[in-house]
Amino acid sequence: DRQEAARERLLHESVEHGAEVYAQQCASCHGADGGGLVGPALRDTPLDAATFEKVISRGLPGTAMPAFAVEDGGSLKSHEIADLVAMAMHWDLAEGNAIESETTHAEPAATEPSQSSTAAAESYRSYCASCHGANRKGVEGLGPALTPDSLGDRSTEDIAAIVTDGVSGTAMPSFERSMTTAEIDALVMFLREVAP
């Protein structure tokens, strides 16, 4: 009984952490509820755990699905991928917890520029790095570079509109429901003014 209880506790902890990873790295493409957006639905996936782990780790060449394993140039460690797989195999345990809380933000209080820049860098890591690269230099076939030089011709309003509304027909989703206006504005200023 103790062993079973321990296994159950570990599973719940793994699913909870996996839901946090999902909210940061996957929800913008696959939907907070796993129902699919730019990417396919992941709820009730027909893939087994081993196959699902390989897809997350290595990506799917020729599609918008990037490799997430650190070994393949991604941002997730093996234990984070394992937690993500556990969560995807147990949606019932993850329902309504970290996924929603990570994708619904309260309006932030006014911050100093340095704090704002730090928060914007965190927003980039959470919402943008998987498609545009951790170094903001872009990911070939997925997302363009987002550096001051690459964005030089675009207005602040134009960039903010892209982040807010997404780009129809591409892998760029809308972040209107994931980020506040203040967070989007801070992210845009960070992208335009702070070199990677």
C-alpha atoms as a PDB file:
ATOM      1  CA  ASP A   1       0.000   0.000   0.000  1.00  0.00           C
ATOM      2  CA  ARG A   2       2.821   2.390   0.862  1.00  0.00           C
ATOM      3  CA  GLN A   3       4.560   1.678  -2.439  1.00  0.00           C
ATOM      4  CA  GLU A   4       1.345   2.242  -4.366  1.00  0.00           C
ATOM      5  CA  ALA A   5       0.725   5.498  -2.495  1.00  0.00           C
ATOM      6  CA  ALA A   6       4.287   6.621  -3.241  1.00  0.00           C
ATOM      7  CA  ARG A   7       3.880   5.819  -6.948  1.00  0.00           C
ATOM      8  CA  GLU A   8       0.611   7.744  -7.025  1.00  0.00           C
ATOM      9  CA  ARG A   9       2.206  10.745  -5.319  1.00  0.00           C
ATOM     10  CA  LEU A  10       5.156  10.731  -7.742  1.00  0.00           C
ATOM     11  CA  LEU A  11       2.782  10.524 -10.699  1.00  0.00           C
ATOM     12  CA  HIS A  12       0.780  13.510  -9.438  1.00  0.00           C
ATOM     13  CA  GLU A  13       3.982  15.520  -8.913  1.00  0.00           C
ATOM     14  CA  SER A  14       5.238  14.601 -12.391  1.00  0.00           C
ATOM     15  CA  VAL A  15       1.909  15.528 -14.004  1.00  0.00           C
ATOM     16  CA  GLU A  16       1.786  18.824 -12.102  1.00  0.00           C
ATOM     17  CA  HIS A  17       5.261  19.803 -13.261  1.00  0.00           C
ATOM     18  CA  GLY A  18       4.495  18.562 -16.781  1.00  0.00           C
ATOM     19  CA  ALA A  19       1.436  20.824 -16.876  1.00  0.00           C
ATOM     20  CA  GLU A  20       3.649  23.808 -16.024  1.00  0.00           C
ATOM     21  CA  VAL A  21       6.053  22.877 -18.837  1.00  0.00           C
ATOM     22  CA  TYR A  22       3.121  22.394 -21.216  1.00  0.00           C
ATOM     23  CA  ALA A  23       1.719  25.835 -20.381  1.00  0.00           C
ATOM     24  CA  GLN A  24       5.070  27.480 -21.078  1.00  0.00           C
ATOM     25  CA  GLN A  25       6.169  25.535 -24.144  1.00  0.00           C
ATOM     26  CA  CYS A  26       3.177  23.859 -25.802  1.00  0.00           C
ATOM     27  CA  ALA A  27      -0.151  25.551 -25.053  1.00  0.00           C
ATOM     28  CA  SER A  28       0.345  28.385 -27.539  1.00  0.00           C
ATOM     29  CA  CYS A  29       0.356  25.863 -30.409  1.00  0.00           C
ATOM     30  CA  HIS A  30      -1.684  22.949 -29.050  1.00  0.00           C
ATOM     31  CA  GLY A  31      -4.209  24.819 -26.880  1.00  0.00           C
ATOM     32  CA  ALA A  32      -4.433  25.160 -23.111  1.00  0.00           C
ATOM     33  CA  ASP A  33      -6.901  22.273 -23.035  1.00  0.00           C
ATOM     34  CA  GLY A  34      -4.947  20.137 -25.512  1.00  0.00           C
ATOM     35  CA  GLY A  35      -7.636  20.603 -28.148  1.00  0.00           C
ATOM     36  CA  GLY A  36      -5.228  21.954 -30.775  1.00  0.00           C
ATOM     37  CA  LEU A  37      -4.618  25.390 -32.342  1.00  0.00           C
ATOM     38  CA  VAL A  38      -1.751  25.809 -34.793  1.00  0.00           C
ATOM     39  CA  GLY A  39      -0.630  22.322 -33.823  1.00  0.00           C
ATOM     40  CA  PRO A  40      -2.800  19.195 -33.590  1.00  0.00           C
ATOM     41  CA  ALA A  41      -4.860  18.172 -30.571  1.00  0.00           C
ATOM     42  CA  LEU A  42      -2.842  16.293 -27.960  1.00  0.00           C
ATOM     43  CA  ARG A  43      -5.675  15.278 -25.659  1.00  0.00           C
ATOM     44  CA  ASP A  44      -6.313  11.554 -26.014  1.00  0.00           C
ATOM     45  CA  THR A  45      -3.302  11.236 -28.317  1.00  0.00           C
ATOM     46  CA  PRO A  46      -3.073   7.852 -30.078  1.00  0.00           C
ATOM     47  CA  LEU A  47       0.705   7.913 -29.556  1.00  0.00           C
ATOM     48  CA  ASP A  48       2.195   5.743 -26.845  1.00  0.00           C
ATOM     49  CA  ALA A  49       4.452   7.325 -24.235  1.00  0.00           C
ATOM     50  CA  ALA A  50       7.710   6.284 -25.932  1.00  0.00           C
ATOM     51  CA  THR A  51       6.676   7.686 -29.322  1.00  0.00           C
ATOM     52  CA  PHE A  52       5.327  10.854 -27.748  1.00  0.00           C
ATOM     53  CA  GLU A  53       8.647  11.370 -25.948  1.00  0.00           C
ATOM     54  CA  LYS A  54      10.580  10.952 -29.221  1.00  0.00           C
ATOM     55  CA  VAL A  55       8.397  13.527 -30.999  1.00  0.00           C
ATOM     56  CA  ILE A  56       8.854  16.063 -28.208  1.00  0.00           C
ATOM     57  CA  SER A  57      12.582  15.422 -27.990  1.00  0.00           C
ATOM     58  CA  ARG A  58      13.440  15.363 -31.703  1.00  0.00           C
ATOM     59  CA  GLY A  59      10.593  17.292 -33.306  1.00  0.00           C
ATOM     60  CA  LEU A  60       9.016  16.443 -36.642  1.00  0.00           C
ATOM     61  CA  PRO A  61      11.114  17.517 -39.644  1.00  0.00           C
ATOM     62  CA  GLY A  62       9.113  19.322 -42.305  1.00  0.00           C
ATOM     63  CA  THR A  63       6.539  20.573 -39.801  1.00  0.00           C
ATOM     64  CA  ALA A  64       6.294  23.423 -37.287  1.00  0.00           C
ATOM     65  CA  MET A  65       7.103  20.984 -34.455  1.00  0.00           C
ATOM     66  CA  PRO A  66      10.640  21.770 -33.215  1.00  0.00           C
ATOM     67  CA  ALA A  67      12.962  19.543 -31.212  1.00  0.00           C
ATOM     68  CA  PHE A  68      12.695  20.356 -27.506  1.00  0.00           C
ATOM     69  CA  ALA A  69      15.459  18.154 -26.080  1.00  0.00           C
ATOM     70  CA  VAL A  70      18.561  20.054 -24.996  1.00  0.00           C
ATOM     71  CA  GLU A  71      20.637  17.451 -26.845  1.00  0.00           C
ATOM     72  CA  ASP A  72      18.849  18.388 -30.073  1.00  0.00           C
ATOM     73  CA  GLY A  73      19.133  22.146 -29.596  1.00  0.00           C
ATOM     74  CA  GLY A  74      15.915  22.584 -27.611  1.00  0.00           C
ATOM     75  CA  SER A  75      15.233  24.013 -24.171  1.00  0.00           C
ATOM     76  CA  LEU A  76      13.953  21.016 -22.175  1.00  0.00           C
ATOM     77  CA  LYS A  77      15.941  18.590 -20.038  1.00  0.00           C
ATOM     78  CA  SER A  78      15.102  14.896 -20.070  1.00  0.00           C
ATOM     79  CA  HIS A  79      13.214  14.997 -16.753  1.00  0.00           C
ATOM     80  CA  GLU A  80      11.072  17.902 -18.037  1.00  0.00           C
ATOM     81  CA  ILE A  81      10.191  15.914 -21.154  1.00  0.00           C
ATOM     82  CA  ALA A  82       9.366  12.879 -18.996  1.00  0.00           C
ATOM     83  CA  ASP A  83       7.038  15.045 -16.886  1.00  0.00           C
ATOM     84  CA  LEU A  84       5.440  16.448 -20.045  1.00  0.00           C
ATOM     85  CA  VAL A  85       4.794  12.921 -21.339  1.00  0.00           C
ATOM     86  CA  ALA A  86       3.281  11.908 -17.986  1.00  0.00           C
ATOM     87  CA  MET A  87       0.976  14.915 -18.116  1.00  0.00           C
ATOM     88  CA  ALA A  88      -0.069  14.181 -21.711  1.00  0.00           C
ATOM     89  CA  MET A  89      -0.881  10.586 -20.757  1.00  0.00           C
ATOM     90  CA  HIS A  90      -2.970  11.785 -17.764  1.00  0.00           C
ATOM     91  CA  TRP A  91      -4.962  14.853 -18.836  1.00  0.00           C
ATOM     92  CA  ASP A  92      -7.553  14.100 -16.187  1.00  0.00           C
ATOM     93  CA  LEU A  93      -4.975  14.759 -13.442  1.00  0.00           C
ATOM     94  CA  ALA A  94      -3.703  17.973 -15.059  1.00  0.00           C
ATOM     95  CA  GLU A  95      -7.106  19.458 -15.887  1.00  0.00           C
ATOM     96  CA  GLY A  96      -7.520  23.052 -14.773  1.00  0.00           C
ATOM     97  CA  ASN A  97      -4.340  23.344 -12.727  1.00  0.00           C
ATOM     98  CA  ALA A  98      -1.017  24.699 -13.953  1.00  0.00           C
ATOM     99  CA  ILE A  99      -2.099  25.008 -17.602  1.00  0.00           C
ATOM    100  CA  GLU A 100      -4.715  27.657 -16.923  1.00  0.00           C
ATOM    101  CA  SER A 101      -2.739  29.452 -14.237  1.00  0.00           C
ATOM    102  CA  GLU A 102       0.287  29.808 -16.516  1.00  0.00           C
ATOM    103  CA  THR A 103      -1.743  31.155 -19.448  1.00  0.00           C
ATOM    104  CA  THR A 104      -3.860  33.652 -17.504  1.00  0.00           C
ATOM    105  CA  HIS A 105      -1.931  36.580 -16.080  1.00  0.00           C
ATOM    106  CA  ALA A 106      -3.054  39.420 -13.858  1.00  0.00           C
ATOM    107  CA  GLU A 107      -2.248  42.947 -14.949  1.00  0.00           C
ATOM    108  CA  PRO A 108       1.244  43.612 -13.582  1.00  0.00           C
ATOM    109  CA  ALA A 109       2.064  46.580 -11.417  1.00  0.00           C
ATOM    110  CA  ALA A 110       4.275  49.334 -12.790  1.00  0.00           C
ATOM    111  CA  THR A 111       7.921  48.301 -12.720  1.00  0.00           C
ATOM    112  CA  GLU A 112      11.292  49.910 -13.138  1.00  0.00           C
ATOM    113  CA  PRO A 113      12.824  49.554 -16.616  1.00  0.00           C
ATOM    114  CA  SER A 114      15.298  46.901 -15.453  1.00  0.00           C
ATOM    115  CA  GLN A 115      12.494  44.849 -13.901  1.00  0.00           C
ATOM    116  CA  SER A 116      10.378  45.316 -17.014  1.00  0.00           C
ATOM    117  CA  SER A 117      13.235  44.097 -19.195  1.00  0.00           C
ATOM    118  CA  THR A 118      13.736  41.068 -16.964  1.00  0.00           C
ATOM    119  CA  ALA A 119      10.012  40.255 -17.086  1.00  0.00           C
ATOM    120  CA  ALA A 120      10.009  40.675 -20.879  1.00  0.00           C
ATOM    121  CA  ALA A 121      12.983  38.324 -21.185  1.00  0.00           C
ATOM    122  CA  GLU A 122      11.025  35.771 -19.156  1.00  0.00           C
ATOM    123  CA  SER A 123       7.997  36.261 -21.424  1.00  0.00           C
ATOM    124  CA  TYR A 124      10.233  35.640 -24.432  1.00  0.00           C
ATOM    125  CA  ARG A 125      11.616  32.459 -22.877  1.00  0.00           C
ATOM    126  CA  SER A 126       8.135  31.203 -22.020  1.00  0.00           C
ATOM    127  CA  TYR A 127       6.268  32.100 -25.205  1.00  0.00           C
ATOM    128  CA  CYS A 128       8.729  32.717 -28.039  1.00  0.00           C
ATOM    129  CA  ALA A 129      12.012  30.823 -27.613  1.00  0.00           C
ATOM    130  CA  SER A 130      10.702  27.468 -28.814  1.00  0.00           C
ATOM    131  CA  CYS A 131       9.975  28.914 -32.283  1.00  0.00           C
ATOM    132  CA  HIS A 132      12.403  31.864 -32.525  1.00  0.00           C
ATOM    133  CA  GLY A 133      15.392  30.364 -30.713  1.00  0.00           C
ATOM    134  CA  ALA A 134      16.795  30.865 -27.236  1.00  0.00           C
ATOM    135  CA  ASN A 135      19.270  33.383 -28.703  1.00  0.00           C
ATOM    136  CA  ARG A 136      16.503  35.173 -30.713  1.00  0.00           C
ATOM    137  CA  LYS A 137      18.365  34.393 -33.955  1.00  0.00           C
ATOM    138  CA  GLY A 138      15.423  32.423 -35.373  1.00  0.00           C
ATOM    139  CA  VAL A 139      14.762  28.738 -36.046  1.00  0.00           C
ATOM    140  CA  GLU A 140      15.011  27.718 -39.695  1.00  0.00           C
ATOM    141  CA  GLY A 141      11.638  26.780 -41.153  1.00  0.00           C
ATOM    142  CA  LEU A 142       9.817  27.775 -37.986  1.00  0.00           C
ATOM    143  CA  GLY A 143      10.254  31.353 -36.749  1.00  0.00           C
ATOM    144  CA  PRO A 144      12.324  34.366 -37.893  1.00  0.00           C
ATOM    145  CA  ALA A 145      14.965  36.198 -35.872  1.00  0.00           C
ATOM    146  CA  LEU A 146      13.659  38.705 -33.311  1.00  0.00           C
ATOM    147  CA  THR A 147      16.596  41.048 -32.752  1.00  0.00           C
ATOM    148  CA  PRO A 148      16.797  44.855 -32.968  1.00  0.00           C
ATOM    149  CA  ASP A 149      18.529  44.522 -36.371  1.00  0.00           C
ATOM    150  CA  SER A 150      15.991  42.077 -37.816  1.00  0.00           C
ATOM    151  CA  LEU A 151      13.048  44.175 -36.580  1.00  0.00           C
ATOM    152  CA  GLY A 152      14.469  47.514 -37.668  1.00  0.00           C
ATOM    153  CA  ASP A 153      11.926  48.096 -40.458  1.00  0.00           C
ATOM    154  CA  ARG A 154       8.860  47.191 -38.398  1.00  0.00           C
ATOM    155  CA  SER A 155       6.995  49.665 -36.234  1.00  0.00           C
ATOM    156  CA  THR A 156       6.309  49.016 -32.569  1.00  0.00           C
ATOM    157  CA  GLU A 157       2.581  48.922 -33.346  1.00  0.00           C
ATOM    158  CA  ASP A 158       3.086  46.377 -36.123  1.00  0.00           C
ATOM    159  CA  ILE A 159       5.082  44.022 -33.895  1.00  0.00           C
ATOM    160  CA  ALA A 160       2.569  44.366 -31.063  1.00  0.00           C
ATOM    161  CA  ALA A 161      -0.272  43.541 -33.464  1.00  0.00           C
ATOM    162  CA  ILE A 162       1.527  40.388 -34.636  1.00  0.00           C
ATOM    163  CA  VAL A 163       2.072  39.216 -31.058  1.00  0.00           C
ATOM    164  CA  THR A 164      -1.502  40.057 -30.107  1.00  0.00           C
ATOM    165  CA  ASP A 165      -3.340  38.691 -33.151  1.00  0.00           C
ATOM    166  CA  GLY A 166      -0.933  36.111 -34.576  1.00  0.00           C
ATOM    167  CA  VAL A 167      -0.396  35.625 -38.305  1.00  0.00           C
ATOM    168  CA  SER A 168      -3.062  33.687 -40.165  1.00  0.00           C
ATOM    169  CA  GLY A 169      -1.769  30.782 -42.233  1.00  0.00           C
ATOM    170  CA  THR A 170       1.482  30.498 -40.282  1.00  0.00           C
ATOM    171  CA  ALA A 171       2.653  28.867 -37.054  1.00  0.00           C
ATOM    172  CA  MET A 172       2.448  32.255 -35.279  1.00  0.00           C
ATOM    173  CA  PRO A 173      -0.463  32.076 -32.783  1.00  0.00           C
ATOM    174  CA  SER A 174      -2.316  34.894 -31.073  1.00  0.00           C
ATOM    175  CA  PHE A 175      -1.142  35.701 -27.550  1.00  0.00           C
ATOM    176  CA  GLU A 176      -4.077  37.974 -26.757  1.00  0.00           C
ATOM    177  CA  ARG A 177      -5.422  35.533 -24.170  1.00  0.00           C
ATOM    178  CA  SER A 178      -2.024  34.495 -22.825  1.00  0.00           C
ATOM    179  CA  MET A 179      -0.464  37.901 -22.154  1.00  0.00           C
ATOM    180  CA  THR A 180      -1.723  41.269 -20.959  1.00  0.00           C
ATOM    181  CA  THR A 181      -1.356  44.399 -23.094  1.00  0.00           C
ATOM    182  CA  ALA A 182       1.344  45.629 -20.720  1.00  0.00           C
ATOM    183  CA  GLU A 183       3.264  42.365 -21.052  1.00  0.00           C
ATOM    184  CA  ILE A 184       3.049  42.485 -24.849  1.00  0.00           C
ATOM    185  CA  ASP A 185       4.227  46.115 -24.898  1.00  0.00           C
ATOM    186  CA  ALA A 186       7.159  45.257 -22.628  1.00  0.00           C
ATOM    187  CA  LEU A 187       8.050  42.272 -24.825  1.00  0.00           C
ATOM    188  CA  VAL A 188       7.975  44.398 -27.980  1.00  0.00           C
ATOM    189  CA  MET A 189      10.260  47.042 -26.441  1.00  0.00           C
ATOM    190  CA  PHE A 190      12.604  44.290 -25.274  1.00  0.00           C
ATOM    191  CA  LEU A 191      12.779  42.769 -28.767  1.00  0.00           C
ATOM    192  CA  ARG A 192      13.364  46.138 -30.440  1.00  0.00           C
ATOM    193  CA  GLU A 193      15.862  47.606 -27.988  1.00  0.00           C
ATOM    194  CA  VAL A 194      17.763  44.816 -26.218  1.00  0.00           C
ATOM    195  CA  ALA A 195      20.366  42.881 -28.197  1.00  0.00           C
ATOM    196  CA  PRO A 196      20.575  39.136 -27.463  1.00  0.00           C
END
